[in-house]
Protein backbone atom coordinates (compact mmCIF):
# COMPACT_ATOMS: atom_id res chain seq x y z
CA MET A 1 -15.05 6.89 156.14
CA THR A 2 -13.65 10.38 156.79
CA SER A 3 -14.23 13.39 154.54
CA GLU A 4 -10.60 13.17 153.44
CA ASP A 5 -11.17 9.55 152.38
CA ALA A 6 -14.25 10.55 150.41
CA ILE A 7 -12.40 13.31 148.61
CA GLU A 8 -9.54 10.91 147.81
CA THR A 9 -11.99 8.29 146.50
CA GLU A 10 -13.78 10.81 144.27
CA GLU A 11 -10.48 11.99 142.78
CA ARG A 12 -9.12 8.56 141.93
CA PRO A 13 -11.04 8.15 138.63
CA ASP A 14 -9.25 11.23 137.32
CA GLU A 15 -5.84 9.91 138.24
CA ALA A 16 -3.67 8.49 135.48
CA PRO A 17 -3.62 4.66 135.52
CA LYS A 18 -0.56 3.21 137.17
CA GLN A 19 2.08 2.31 134.59
CA LEU A 20 3.06 -1.34 134.89
CA LEU A 21 5.22 -1.59 131.79
CA SER A 22 7.97 0.41 130.15
CA ARG A 23 7.38 1.94 126.72
CA VAL A 24 9.42 -0.85 125.14
CA ASP A 25 7.38 -3.48 127.00
CA ARG A 26 4.13 -1.88 125.89
CA ALA A 27 5.34 -1.93 122.30
CA ALA A 28 6.30 -5.59 122.72
CA VAL A 29 2.84 -6.49 124.06
CA PHE A 30 1.11 -4.64 121.24
CA LEU A 31 3.27 -6.43 118.70
CA MET A 32 2.47 -9.84 120.20
CA LEU A 33 -1.24 -9.08 119.88
CA LEU A 34 -0.85 -8.94 116.11
CA GLY A 35 -0.85 -11.91 113.78
CA ASP A 36 2.48 -13.46 112.86
CA GLU A 37 2.51 -11.95 109.35
CA GLU A 38 1.58 -8.44 110.50
CA ALA A 39 4.16 -8.59 113.28
CA ALA A 40 6.84 -9.83 110.90
CA ASN A 41 6.12 -6.97 108.50
CA LEU A 42 6.60 -4.46 111.30
CA LEU A 43 9.77 -6.11 112.61
CA ALA A 44 11.24 -6.05 109.11
CA ARG A 45 11.16 -2.24 109.22
CA LEU A 46 13.29 -1.93 112.36
CA ASP A 47 17.01 -1.39 112.37
CA PRO A 48 19.21 -3.97 114.19
CA THR A 49 19.37 -2.00 117.44
CA GLU A 50 15.61 -1.47 117.59
CA LEU A 51 15.02 -5.09 116.70
CA GLU A 52 17.35 -6.34 119.44
CA THR A 53 15.76 -4.08 122.06
CA LEU A 54 12.21 -5.07 121.18
CA GLY A 55 13.04 -8.75 120.70
CA SER A 56 14.76 -8.89 124.10
CA ALA A 57 11.68 -7.39 125.73
CA MET A 58 9.39 -9.91 124.05
CA VAL A 59 11.54 -12.86 125.14
CA ALA A 60 11.96 -11.61 128.71
CA MET A 61 8.26 -11.06 129.42
CA GLY A 62 6.42 -13.86 131.17
CA ASP A 63 2.67 -14.27 131.23
CA ILE A 64 0.93 -11.06 130.23
CA ASP A 65 -2.32 -10.45 132.09
CA GLN A 66 -5.32 -8.45 130.93
CA GLU A 67 -4.28 -5.36 132.85
CA ARG A 68 -0.97 -5.15 130.97
CA ILE A 69 -2.65 -5.86 127.64
CA ALA A 70 -5.11 -3.04 128.36
CA GLU A 71 -2.21 -0.74 129.26
CA ALA A 72 -0.45 -1.46 125.96
CA LEU A 73 -3.62 -0.79 123.98
CA ARG A 74 -4.41 2.33 126.00
CA ASP A 75 -0.92 3.68 125.31
CA PHE A 76 -1.40 3.09 121.59
CA VAL A 77 -4.76 4.90 121.63
CA ASN A 78 -3.34 7.82 123.61
CA GLU A 79 -0.49 8.20 121.15
CA ALA A 80 -2.97 8.14 118.27
CA ASP A 81 -5.09 10.83 119.97
CA ARG A 82 -2.10 13.13 120.35
CA GLU A 83 -0.58 12.45 116.96
CA ILE A 84 -1.12 14.64 113.92
CA LEU A 85 0.00 13.29 110.57
CA PRO A 86 0.93 16.30 108.45
CA ALA A 87 0.65 16.08 104.68
CA LYS A 88 3.91 17.94 104.20
CA ASP A 89 6.71 15.72 102.86
CA ARG A 90 4.34 12.73 102.77
CA SER A 91 5.88 11.48 99.53
CA ALA A 92 9.35 11.55 101.08
CA GLN A 93 8.07 9.68 104.14
CA VAL A 94 6.42 6.98 102.02
CA ARG A 95 9.53 6.72 99.85
CA THR A 96 11.71 6.16 102.92
CA MET A 97 9.39 3.44 104.22
CA LEU A 98 9.34 1.70 100.83
CA GLU A 99 13.13 1.89 100.50
CA ARG A 100 13.53 0.19 103.88
CA SER A 101 11.13 -2.60 102.96
CA LEU A 102 11.73 -3.01 99.19
CA GLY A 103 15.12 -1.50 98.47
CA SER A 104 15.77 1.71 96.58
CA THR A 105 15.25 0.35 93.05
CA LYS A 106 11.84 -1.20 93.59
CA ALA A 107 10.83 1.68 95.86
CA GLU A 108 11.50 4.17 93.06
CA SER A 109 9.42 2.12 90.64
CA MET A 110 6.57 1.90 93.17
CA MET A 111 6.66 5.63 93.85
CA GLN A 112 6.28 6.31 90.15
CA ARG A 113 3.10 4.26 90.26
CA ILE A 114 1.50 5.74 93.38
CA GLU A 115 2.48 9.41 93.44
CA PRO A 116 -0.45 11.60 92.38
CA GLU A 117 1.58 13.36 89.70
CA ALA A 118 2.92 10.10 88.32
CA ARG A 119 2.21 9.30 84.66
CA PRO A 120 2.32 5.96 82.82
CA ARG A 121 5.88 5.19 81.83
CA SER A 122 7.63 2.57 79.72
CA ILE A 123 9.00 0.82 82.80
CA GLU A 124 5.44 0.09 83.86
CA MET A 125 4.65 -1.08 80.33
CA ALA A 126 7.64 -3.41 80.49
CA ARG A 127 6.03 -5.19 83.44
CA TRP A 128 3.25 -6.27 81.05
CA LEU A 129 5.46 -7.48 78.24
CA ALA A 130 6.30 -11.11 77.58
CA PRO A 131 9.86 -12.10 78.58
CA SER A 132 10.70 -12.80 74.92
CA VAL A 133 9.75 -9.23 74.04
CA LEU A 134 11.71 -7.82 76.97
CA LEU A 135 14.74 -9.80 75.88
CA LYS A 136 14.72 -8.09 72.47
CA LEU A 137 14.51 -4.71 74.16
CA VAL A 138 17.60 -5.10 76.34
CA GLU A 139 19.76 -7.95 75.00
CA ASP A 140 22.32 -5.53 73.50
CA GLU A 141 22.47 -3.27 76.54
CA HIS A 142 25.15 -3.07 79.22
CA PRO A 143 24.72 -5.66 82.02
CA GLN A 144 24.21 -2.84 84.52
CA VAL A 145 21.16 -1.62 82.59
CA ILE A 146 19.77 -5.15 82.26
CA ALA A 147 20.30 -5.79 85.97
CA ALA A 148 18.50 -2.60 86.97
CA LEU A 149 15.55 -3.43 84.74
CA LEU A 150 15.27 -7.01 86.00
CA LEU A 151 15.13 -5.75 89.57
CA MET A 152 12.07 -3.70 88.65
CA LEU A 153 10.22 -6.71 87.25
CA GLU A 154 8.48 -9.55 89.02
CA PRO A 155 10.90 -12.41 89.82
CA GLU A 156 9.47 -14.98 87.38
CA PRO A 157 9.57 -12.92 84.14
CA ALA A 158 12.91 -11.47 85.22
CA ALA A 159 14.28 -15.00 85.61
CA GLU A 160 13.00 -15.95 82.14
CA VAL A 161 14.79 -12.98 80.60
CA LEU A 162 17.97 -13.90 82.47
CA SER A 163 17.77 -17.51 81.26
CA ALA A 164 17.58 -16.39 77.64
CA LEU A 165 20.68 -14.18 77.82
CA PRO A 166 24.09 -15.50 76.68
CA GLU A 167 26.00 -17.26 79.45
CA ASP A 168 28.73 -14.64 79.72
CA VAL A 169 26.10 -11.91 80.00
CA GLN A 170 24.17 -13.91 82.60
CA SER A 171 27.16 -13.91 84.95
CA ALA A 172 27.72 -10.19 84.53
CA VAL A 173 24.03 -9.41 85.12
CA VAL A 174 23.73 -11.61 88.22
CA THR A 175 26.89 -10.06 89.66
CA ARG A 176 25.42 -6.60 89.26
CA VAL A 177 22.06 -7.66 90.66
CA ALA A 178 23.89 -8.80 93.79
CA GLN A 179 26.00 -5.63 94.04
CA ILE A 180 23.90 -2.92 92.43
CA GLY A 181 23.05 -0.90 95.56
CA PRO A 182 21.13 2.39 95.26
CA VAL A 183 19.91 3.39 91.80
CA SER A 184 19.40 7.10 91.25
CA SER A 185 16.23 8.57 89.80
CA GLN A 186 18.37 9.80 86.89
CA ALA A 187 19.41 6.23 86.10
CA ILE A 188 15.80 5.08 86.21
CA GLY A 189 14.86 7.95 83.93
CA MET A 190 17.55 6.83 81.52
CA ILE A 191 16.18 3.28 81.50
CA ASP A 192 12.70 4.64 80.96
CA SER A 193 13.85 6.73 78.02
CA LEU A 194 15.71 3.78 76.54
CA LEU A 195 12.69 1.50 76.79
CA SER A 196 10.44 4.15 75.28
CA GLN A 197 12.71 4.42 72.24
CA ARG A 198 13.08 0.66 71.86
CA ILE A 199 9.37 -0.05 72.24
CA GLY A 200 8.42 2.60 69.73
CA ALA A 201 11.16 1.85 67.20
CA SER A 202 11.22 -1.93 67.31
CA PHE A 203 7.71 -3.06 68.12
CA GLY A 204 5.28 -0.20 67.77
CA ALA A 205 1.98 -0.14 69.59
CA ASN A 206 1.20 -3.83 69.30
CA THR A 207 3.66 -5.04 71.92
CA LEU A 208 1.37 -4.48 74.90
CA THR A 209 -1.12 -7.33 74.79
CA LEU A 210 -3.94 -7.22 77.31
CA GLY A 211 -6.89 -9.47 77.92
CA GLY A 212 -7.51 -13.07 76.93
CA PRO A 213 -9.82 -15.94 77.93
CA ARG A 214 -8.50 -16.02 81.50
CA GLU A 215 -9.12 -12.31 82.05
CA ALA A 216 -12.60 -12.67 80.54
CA ALA A 217 -13.30 -15.65 82.81
CA ASN A 218 -12.15 -13.72 85.87
CA LEU A 219 -14.50 -10.87 85.02
CA ILE A 220 -17.43 -13.25 84.64
CA ASN A 221 -16.66 -15.08 87.88
CA LEU A 222 -16.50 -11.80 89.79
CA ALA A 223 -19.63 -10.36 88.20
CA GLU A 224 -22.95 -10.53 90.03
CA GLY A 225 -26.17 -11.98 88.70
CA GLU A 226 -26.62 -14.17 85.65
CA VAL A 227 -23.66 -12.94 83.62
CA ALA A 228 -22.22 -16.40 82.93
CA ARG A 229 -25.56 -17.80 81.81
CA THR A 230 -26.25 -14.93 79.44
CA VAL A 231 -22.81 -13.93 78.13
CA LEU A 232 -21.37 -17.33 77.25
CA PRO A 233 -24.29 -18.50 75.06
CA SER A 234 -24.14 -15.20 73.19
CA ILE A 235 -20.39 -15.56 72.59
CA ALA A 236 -20.85 -19.21 71.57
CA GLN A 237 -23.19 -18.19 68.76
CA ILE A 238 -20.49 -15.95 67.29
CA ASP A 239 -17.29 -17.78 68.25
CA PRO A 240 -17.79 -21.25 69.81
CA ALA A 241 -14.05 -21.82 70.28
CA LEU A 242 -13.65 -18.58 72.22
CA ALA A 243 -16.65 -19.39 74.42
CA GLU A 244 -15.14 -22.79 75.19
CA ALA A 245 -11.76 -21.25 76.00
CA ILE A 246 -13.39 -18.79 78.42
CA GLU A 247 -15.43 -21.55 80.03
CA ASP A 248 -12.30 -23.64 80.54
CA GLU A 249 -10.72 -20.77 82.45
CA MET A 250 -13.80 -20.24 84.61
CA PHE A 251 -13.29 -23.52 86.42
CA THR A 252 -10.35 -22.84 88.76
CA PHE A 253 -8.60 -25.13 91.19
CA GLU A 254 -9.37 -22.68 94.00
CA MET A 255 -13.08 -23.40 93.54
CA LEU A 256 -12.45 -26.99 94.57
CA LEU A 257 -11.36 -25.80 98.02
CA GLU A 258 -15.00 -24.76 98.61
CA LEU A 259 -16.48 -28.21 97.90
CA ASP A 260 -18.36 -29.82 100.76
CA ARG A 261 -17.00 -33.03 102.23
CA GLN A 262 -19.32 -35.30 100.26
CA ALA A 263 -18.52 -33.64 96.91
CA MET A 264 -14.81 -33.66 97.66
CA GLY A 265 -14.95 -37.34 98.50
CA ARG A 266 -16.70 -38.07 95.21
CA LEU A 267 -14.07 -36.09 93.32
CA LEU A 268 -11.15 -37.84 95.00
CA ARG A 269 -12.44 -41.25 93.96
CA ASP A 270 -11.73 -40.31 90.32
CA VAL A 271 -8.48 -38.41 90.85
CA ASP A 272 -5.14 -40.02 90.05
CA ASN A 273 -2.97 -40.30 93.16
CA GLU A 274 0.15 -38.87 91.47
CA ALA A 275 -1.78 -35.85 90.21
CA LEU A 276 -3.21 -35.26 93.68
CA VAL A 277 0.22 -35.32 95.34
CA ASP A 278 1.67 -32.91 92.78
CA ALA A 279 -1.35 -30.59 93.02
CA LEU A 280 -1.27 -30.47 96.83
CA LYS A 281 2.51 -29.98 96.85
CA GLY A 282 1.91 -26.44 95.60
CA LEU A 283 -0.61 -25.56 98.33
CA LYS A 284 -0.19 -24.26 101.85
CA GLU A 285 -1.14 -26.59 104.67
CA ALA A 286 -4.44 -24.83 105.35
CA GLN A 287 -5.46 -25.16 101.71
CA ARG A 288 -4.84 -28.91 101.79
CA ALA A 289 -7.24 -29.37 104.69
CA PRO A 290 -10.45 -29.80 102.62
CA PHE A 291 -8.82 -32.65 100.70
CA PHE A 292 -7.51 -34.42 103.81
CA ALA A 293 -10.83 -33.96 105.64
CA SER A 294 -12.57 -36.01 102.95
CA MET A 295 -10.16 -38.97 103.26
CA SER A 296 -9.69 -41.58 105.89
CA SER A 297 -6.94 -40.73 108.36
CA ARG A 298 -4.82 -43.53 106.93
CA ALA A 299 -5.20 -42.27 103.35
CA ALA A 300 -4.52 -38.68 104.41
CA ASP A 301 -1.34 -39.72 106.25
CA GLY A 302 -0.19 -41.59 103.16
CA ILE A 303 -0.71 -38.57 100.91
CA LYS A 304 1.07 -36.32 103.43
CA ASP A 305 4.06 -38.69 103.46
CA GLU A 306 4.19 -38.68 99.65
CA ILE A 307 4.07 -34.89 99.58
CA ASP A 308 6.97 -34.71 102.04
CA MET A 309 9.02 -37.17 100.00
CA ARG A 310 8.28 -35.49 96.68
CA GLY A 311 11.19 -33.44 95.42
CA ARG A 312 10.96 -29.86 94.25
CA LEU A 313 8.38 -29.32 91.53
CA ALA A 314 8.27 -26.60 88.92
CA LYS A 315 5.28 -24.31 89.09
CA SER A 316 4.22 -25.60 85.66
CA GLU A 317 4.13 -29.17 87.00
CA VAL A 318 1.91 -28.17 89.93
CA GLU A 319 -0.42 -26.23 87.64
CA ALA A 320 -0.64 -29.15 85.19
CA ALA A 321 -1.63 -31.51 88.01
CA GLN A 322 -4.20 -29.05 89.31
CA ARG A 323 -5.64 -28.68 85.81
CA LYS A 324 -6.08 -32.46 85.59
CA ILE A 325 -8.08 -32.44 88.80
CA VAL A 326 -10.17 -29.50 87.58
CA GLU A 327 -10.98 -31.44 84.41
CA VAL A 328 -12.18 -34.39 86.49
CA ALA A 329 -14.28 -32.06 88.64
CA ARG A 330 -15.77 -30.39 85.60
CA ALA A 331 -16.77 -33.74 84.10
CA LEU A 332 -18.48 -34.70 87.36
CA ALA A 333 -20.23 -31.31 87.44
CA ASP A 334 -21.47 -31.82 83.87
CA GLN A 335 -22.89 -35.18 84.97
CA GLY A 336 -24.62 -33.52 87.92
CA GLU A 337 -22.67 -35.51 90.52
CA ILE A 338 -21.05 -32.50 92.21
CA ALA A 339 -21.63 -28.74 92.23
CA ILE A 340 -18.80 -26.28 91.67
CA GLY A 341 -19.12 -22.67 92.75
CA SER A 342 -22.27 -20.97 93.96
CA ASP A 343 -25.47 -19.73 92.40
CA ASP A 344 -24.38 -16.09 92.15
CA GLY A 345 -22.66 -16.14 88.80
CA GLU A 346 -20.26 -19.08 89.13
CA PHE A 347 -20.84 -22.49 87.61
CA VAL A 348 -23.04 -25.17 89.21
């Protein structure tokens, strides 16, 4: 090896790695390394031109070897090393991102919740109110106002309010929901002021109801130690009905997903087939797996076929079926035949 070769060899580690991919290709590789949900969330933020460019690159790429994967990751790291994220105009940047993903109305409501200078407002209070209470607040208002408010609520309570409106108002509200477009901060301030006046004048301070047996049960389930074993007996001495209501809420259907195969099999022997189909209809495929794993393949295939053939179910129907199964599980737990939860504060 000549001295020139030695010098060239020594200098190679300092040379920039050869670029095998374009910037678009590197972005495509990085995106394909993400999970489907994370990738979908990022793609949803692109405009049509960006989406077409990146999508075309993803489709056109063949097998991607380790060297190209490393290049894509290295490019991401290099960009991160060079990048400075200034605090100036951060609120405007976040607002723009939220508007692209949520729309201007919901983005404005979210900004009011997350900006440091934000203060509790009646619109946020409205999100806690029962649909029947919300209806009384806005039933006499212009459909445009009702539409704007419903867009700031979660879909289910908003739908309940809509269902309770007169038919002619329903049509006007839905039309405006479909066409409303950008809502200015002044309009949102007007709705906030209106709600503040209505809440104070019509219902006073008692309209915002928080807590209940379910919230108490959630706290106990999440608490560490022996909270359930100490708190519930104490409550039962003062108010047995309340203790029972809390205990009912502490057994959740989600706990059944953690049962071992033997316990699940024992549970399924006592579960009505119709209730099981309705309960599983409301679950994702991965959540159904513990149930199917405890059945014979023939029985599992039969249940799957029934689920596929079952028509659309209301959420209340699914929850009622799941509650039936929870009641069966709780009875078996009381008899000592199965164990529900763990030994760190949940029931056994």
